[in-house]
């Protein structure tokens, strides 16, 4: 069993991943500007 702290860390990492995925999909659909998307996604991972 994970300690409380590592369990919380895992949840936070998972939630950040979900946000990142949502932002990436919104960027691909042109719903989010590149300047906003790079706040959540490294510029090298964004398509031009």
PDB file of N, CA and C in Angstrom:
ATOM      1  N   UNK A   1       0.844  -1.189   0.000  1.00  0.00           N
ATOM      2  CA  UNK A   1       0.000   0.000   0.000  1.00  0.00           C
ATOM      3  C   UNK A   1       0.879   1.238   0.000  1.00  0.00           C
ATOM      4  N   UNK A   2       0.465   2.243  -0.746  1.00  0.00           N
ATOM      5  CA  UNK A   2       1.226   3.489  -0.827  1.00  0.00           C
ATOM      6  C   UNK A   2       0.995   4.321   0.422  1.00  0.00           C
ATOM      7  N   UNK A   3       2.022   5.097   0.780  1.00  0.00           N
ATOM      8  CA  UNK A   3       1.818   6.041   1.877  1.00  0.00           C
ATOM      9  C   UNK A   3       0.859   7.123   1.400  1.00  0.00           C
ATOM     10  N   UNK A   4       0.250   7.837   2.339  1.00  0.00           N
ATOM     11  CA  UNK A   4      -0.703   8.886   1.990  1.00  0.00           C
ATOM     12  C   UNK A   4      -0.124   9.914   1.050  1.00  0.00           C
ATOM     13  N   UNK A   5       1.118  10.338   1.319  1.00  0.00           N
ATOM     14  CA  UNK A   5       1.747  11.360   0.483  1.00  0.00           C
ATOM     15  C   UNK A   5       1.964  10.908  -0.942  1.00  0.00           C
ATOM     16  N   UNK A   6       2.446   9.676  -1.123  1.00  0.00           N
ATOM     17  CA  UNK A   6       2.708   9.214  -2.486  1.00  0.00           C
ATOM     18  C   UNK A   6       1.404   8.955  -3.232  1.00  0.00           C
ATOM     19  N   UNK A   7       0.367   8.557  -2.511  1.00  0.00           N
ATOM     20  CA  UNK A   7      -0.940   8.362  -3.149  1.00  0.00           C
ATOM     21  C   UNK A   7      -1.475   9.705  -3.655  1.00  0.00           C
ATOM     22  N   UNK A   8      -1.372  10.724  -2.837  1.00  0.00           N
ATOM     23  CA  UNK A   8      -1.812  12.064  -3.239  1.00  0.00           C
ATOM     24  C   UNK A   8      -0.990  12.553  -4.421  1.00  0.00           C
ATOM     25  N   UNK A   9       0.326  12.322  -4.383  1.00  0.00           N
ATOM     26  CA  UNK A   9       1.190  12.714  -5.504  1.00  0.00           C
ATOM     27  C   UNK A   9       0.747  12.033  -6.798  1.00  0.00           C
ATOM     28  N   UNK A  10       0.393  10.755  -6.707  1.00  0.00           N
ATOM     29  CA  UNK A  10      -0.047  10.015  -7.894  1.00  0.00           C
ATOM     30  C   UNK A  10      -1.338  10.612  -8.453  1.00  0.00           C
ATOM     31  N   UNK A  11      -2.255  10.975  -7.573  1.00  0.00           N
ATOM     32  CA  UNK A  11      -3.514  11.586  -8.011  1.00  0.00           C
ATOM     33  C   UNK A  11      -3.245  12.922  -8.693  1.00  0.00           C
ATOM     34  N   UNK A  12      -2.373  13.729  -8.107  1.00  0.00           N
ATOM     35  CA  UNK A  12      -2.046  15.037  -8.687  1.00  0.00           C
ATOM     36  C   UNK A  12      -1.412  14.863 -10.063  1.00  0.00           C
ATOM     37  N   UNK A  13      -0.478  13.916 -10.196  1.00  0.00           N
ATOM     38  CA  UNK A  13       0.152  13.663 -11.504  1.00  0.00           C
ATOM     39  C   UNK A  13      -0.891  13.236 -12.530  1.00  0.00           C
ATOM     40  N   UNK A  14      -1.816  12.380 -12.119  1.00  0.00           N
ATOM     41  CA  UNK A  14      -2.856  11.916 -13.035  1.00  0.00           C
ATOM     42  C   UNK A  14      -3.745  13.077 -13.467  1.00  0.00           C
ATOM     43  N   UNK A  15      -4.122  13.930 -12.546  1.00  0.00           N
ATOM     44  CA  UNK A  15      -4.975  15.069 -12.878  1.00  0.00           C
ATOM     45  C   UNK A  15      -4.255  16.052 -13.798  1.00  0.00           C
ATOM     46  N   UNK A  16      -2.965  16.294 -13.540  1.00  0.00           N
ATOM     47  CA  UNK A  16      -2.199  17.183 -14.423  1.00  0.00           C
ATOM     48  C   UNK A  16      -2.157  16.608 -15.829  1.00  0.00           C
ATOM     49  N   UNK A  17      -2.017  15.292 -15.924  1.00  0.00           N
ATOM     50  CA  UNK A  17      -1.983  14.633 -17.227  1.00  0.00           C
ATOM     51  C   UNK A  17      -3.309  14.844 -17.956  1.00  0.00           C
ATOM     52  N   UNK A  18      -4.407  14.706 -17.227  1.00  0.00           N
ATOM     53  CA  UNK A  18      -5.720  14.897 -17.848  1.00  0.00           C
ATOM     54  C   UNK A  18      -5.877  16.327 -18.358  1.00  0.00           C
ATOM     55  N   UNK A  19      -5.443  17.291 -17.567  1.00  0.00           N
ATOM     56  CA  UNK A  19      -5.527  18.693 -17.988  1.00  0.00           C
ATOM     57  C   UNK A  19      -4.682  18.906 -19.234  1.00  0.00           C
ATOM     58  N   UNK A  20      -3.455  18.363 -19.219  1.00  0.00           N
ATOM     59  CA  UNK A  20      -2.555  18.493 -20.366  1.00  0.00           C
ATOM     60  C   UNK A  20      -3.203  17.909 -21.617  1.00  0.00           C
ATOM     61  N   UNK A  21      -3.793  16.724 -21.489  1.00  0.00           N
ATOM     62  CA  UNK A  21      -4.438  16.082 -22.636  1.00  0.00           C
ATOM     63  C   UNK A  21      -5.609  16.915 -23.149  1.00  0.00           C
ATOM     64  N   UNK A  22      -6.384  17.481 -22.231  1.00  0.00           N
ATOM     65  CA  UNK A  22      -7.519  18.311 -22.635  1.00  0.00           C
ATOM     66  C   UNK A  22      -7.043  19.565 -23.358  1.00  0.00           C
ATOM     67  N   UNK A  23      -6.000  20.201 -22.835  1.00  0.00           N
ATOM     68  CA  UNK A  23      -5.460  21.408 -23.474  1.00  0.00           C
ATOM     69  C   UNK A  23      -4.927  21.071 -24.860  1.00  0.00           C
ATOM     70  N   UNK A  24      -4.216  19.948 -24.981  1.00  0.00           N
ATOM     71  CA  UNK A  24      -3.674  19.554 -26.281  1.00  0.00           C
ATOM     72  C   UNK A  24      -4.800  19.341 -27.294  1.00  0.00           C
ATOM     73  N   UNK A  25      -5.861  18.656 -26.894  1.00  0.00           N
ATOM     74  CA  UNK A  25      -6.980  18.448 -27.806  1.00  0.00           C
ATOM     75  C   UNK A  25      -7.637  19.770 -28.190  1.00  0.00           C
ATOM     76  N   UNK A  26      -7.781  20.675 -27.231  1.00  0.00           N
ATOM     77  CA  UNK A  26      -8.361  21.986 -27.520  1.00  0.00           C
ATOM     78  C   UNK A  26      -7.465  22.774 -28.464  1.00  0.00           C
ATOM     79  N   UNK A  27      -6.150  22.657 -28.295  1.00  0.00           N
ATOM     80  CA  UNK A  27      -5.205  23.345 -29.178  1.00  0.00           C
ATOM     81  C   UNK A  27      -5.322  22.795 -30.604  1.00  0.00           C
ATOM     82  N   UNK A  28      -5.387  21.474 -30.726  1.00  0.00           N
ATOM     83  CA  UNK A  28      -5.507  20.848 -32.045  1.00  0.00           C
ATOM     84  C   UNK A  28      -6.783  21.309 -32.743  1.00  0.00           C
ATOM     85  N   UNK A  29      -7.860  21.502 -31.983  1.00  0.00           N
ATOM     86  CA  UNK A  29      -9.137  21.967 -32.547  1.00  0.00           C
ATOM     87  C   UNK A  29      -9.193  23.487 -32.684  1.00  0.00           C
ATOM     88  N   UNK A  30      -8.073  24.160 -32.442  1.00  0.00           N
ATOM     89  CA  UNK A  30      -7.986  25.626 -32.521  1.00  0.00           C
ATOM     90  C   UNK A  30      -8.921  26.334 -31.543  1.00  0.00           C
ATOM     91  N   UNK A  31      -9.170  25.710 -30.416  1.00  0.00           N
ATOM     92  CA  UNK A  31     -10.009  26.320 -29.386  1.00  0.00           C
ATOM     93  C   UNK A  31      -9.175  27.059 -28.344  1.00  0.00           C
ATOM     94  N   UNK A  32      -7.864  26.790 -28.338  1.00  0.00           N
ATOM     95  CA  UNK A  32      -6.933  27.417 -27.398  1.00  0.00           C
ATOM     96  C   UNK A  32      -5.764  27.971 -28.195  1.00  0.00           C
ATOM     97  N   UNK A  33      -5.376  29.191 -27.903  1.00  0.00           N
ATOM     98  CA  UNK A  33      -4.239  29.831 -28.552  1.00  0.00           C
ATOM     99  C   UNK A  33      -2.931  29.166 -28.111  1.00  0.00           C
ATOM    100  N   UNK A  34      -1.943  29.169 -28.994  1.00  0.00           N
ATOM    101  CA  UNK A  34      -0.639  28.569 -28.681  1.00  0.00           C
ATOM    102  C   UNK A  34      -0.038  29.170 -27.412  1.00  0.00           C
ATOM    103  N   UNK A  35      -0.174  30.495 -27.241  1.00  0.00           N
ATOM    104  CA  UNK A  35       0.389  31.156 -26.053  1.00  0.00           C
ATOM    105  C   UNK A  35      -0.217  30.608 -24.769  1.00  0.00           C
ATOM    106  N   UNK A  36      -1.484  30.238 -24.823  1.00  0.00           N
ATOM    107  CA  UNK A  36      -2.127  29.651 -23.649  1.00  0.00           C
ATOM    108  C   UNK A  36      -1.725  28.189 -23.483  1.00  0.00           C
ATOM    109  N   UNK A  37      -1.661  27.463 -24.583  1.00  0.00           N
ATOM    110  CA  UNK A  37      -1.347  26.036 -24.525  1.00  0.00           C
ATOM    111  C   UNK A  37       0.040  25.781 -23.945  1.00  0.00           C
ATOM    112  N   UNK A  38       1.021  26.644 -24.261  1.00  0.00           N
ATOM    113  CA  UNK A  38       2.379  26.394 -23.766  1.00  0.00           C
ATOM    114  C   UNK A  38       2.505  26.617 -22.260  1.00  0.00           C
ATOM    115  N   UNK A  39       1.471  27.130 -21.632  1.00  0.00           N
ATOM    116  CA  UNK A  39       1.474  27.208 -20.170  1.00  0.00           C
ATOM    117  C   UNK A  39       1.349  25.811 -19.564  1.00  0.00           C
ATOM    118  N   UNK A  40       0.792  24.870 -20.328  1.00  0.00           N
ATOM    119  CA  UNK A  40       0.546  23.516 -19.844  1.00  0.00           C
ATOM    120  C   UNK A  40       1.353  22.454 -20.578  1.00  0.00           C
ATOM    121  N   UNK A  41       1.780  22.778 -21.804  1.00  0.00           N
ATOM    122  CA  UNK A  41       2.455  21.804 -22.661  1.00  0.00           C
ATOM    123  C   UNK A  41       3.752  22.409 -23.168  1.00  0.00           C
ATOM    124  N   UNK A  42       4.866  21.676 -23.060  1.00  0.00           N
ATOM    125  CA  UNK A  42       6.131  22.205 -23.586  1.00  0.00           C
ATOM    126  C   UNK A  42       6.000  22.532 -25.078  1.00  0.00           C
ATOM    127  N   UNK A  43       6.558  23.676 -25.515  1.00  0.00           N
ATOM    128  CA  UNK A  43       6.421  24.102 -26.912  1.00  0.00           C
ATOM    129  C   UNK A  43       6.829  23.033 -27.923  1.00  0.00           C
ATOM    130  N   UNK A  44       7.822  22.221 -27.611  1.00  0.00           N
ATOM    131  CA  UNK A  44       8.267  21.185 -28.534  1.00  0.00           C
ATOM    132  C   UNK A  44       7.233  20.105 -28.790  1.00  0.00           C
ATOM    133  N   UNK A  45       6.252  19.981 -27.904  1.00  0.00           N
ATOM    134  CA  UNK A  45       5.218  18.961 -28.064  1.00  0.00           C
ATOM    135  C   UNK A  45       4.010  19.466 -28.844  1.00  0.00           C
ATOM    136  N   UNK A  46       3.957  20.769 -29.087  1.00  0.00           N
ATOM    137  CA  UNK A  46       2.828  21.335 -29.825  1.00  0.00           C
ATOM    138  C   UNK A  46       3.113  21.303 -31.315  1.00  0.00           C
ATOM    139  N   UNK A  47       2.110  20.953 -32.070  1.00  0.00           N
ATOM    140  CA  UNK A  47       2.248  21.001 -33.529  1.00  0.00           C
ATOM    141  C   UNK A  47       2.140  22.444 -33.983  1.00  0.00           C
ATOM    142  N   UNK A  48       2.862  22.766 -35.019  1.00  0.00           N
ATOM    143  CA  UNK A  48       2.798  24.131 -35.578  1.00  0.00           C
ATOM    144  C   UNK A  48       1.602  24.299 -36.468  1.00  0.00           C
TER     145      UNK A  48
END
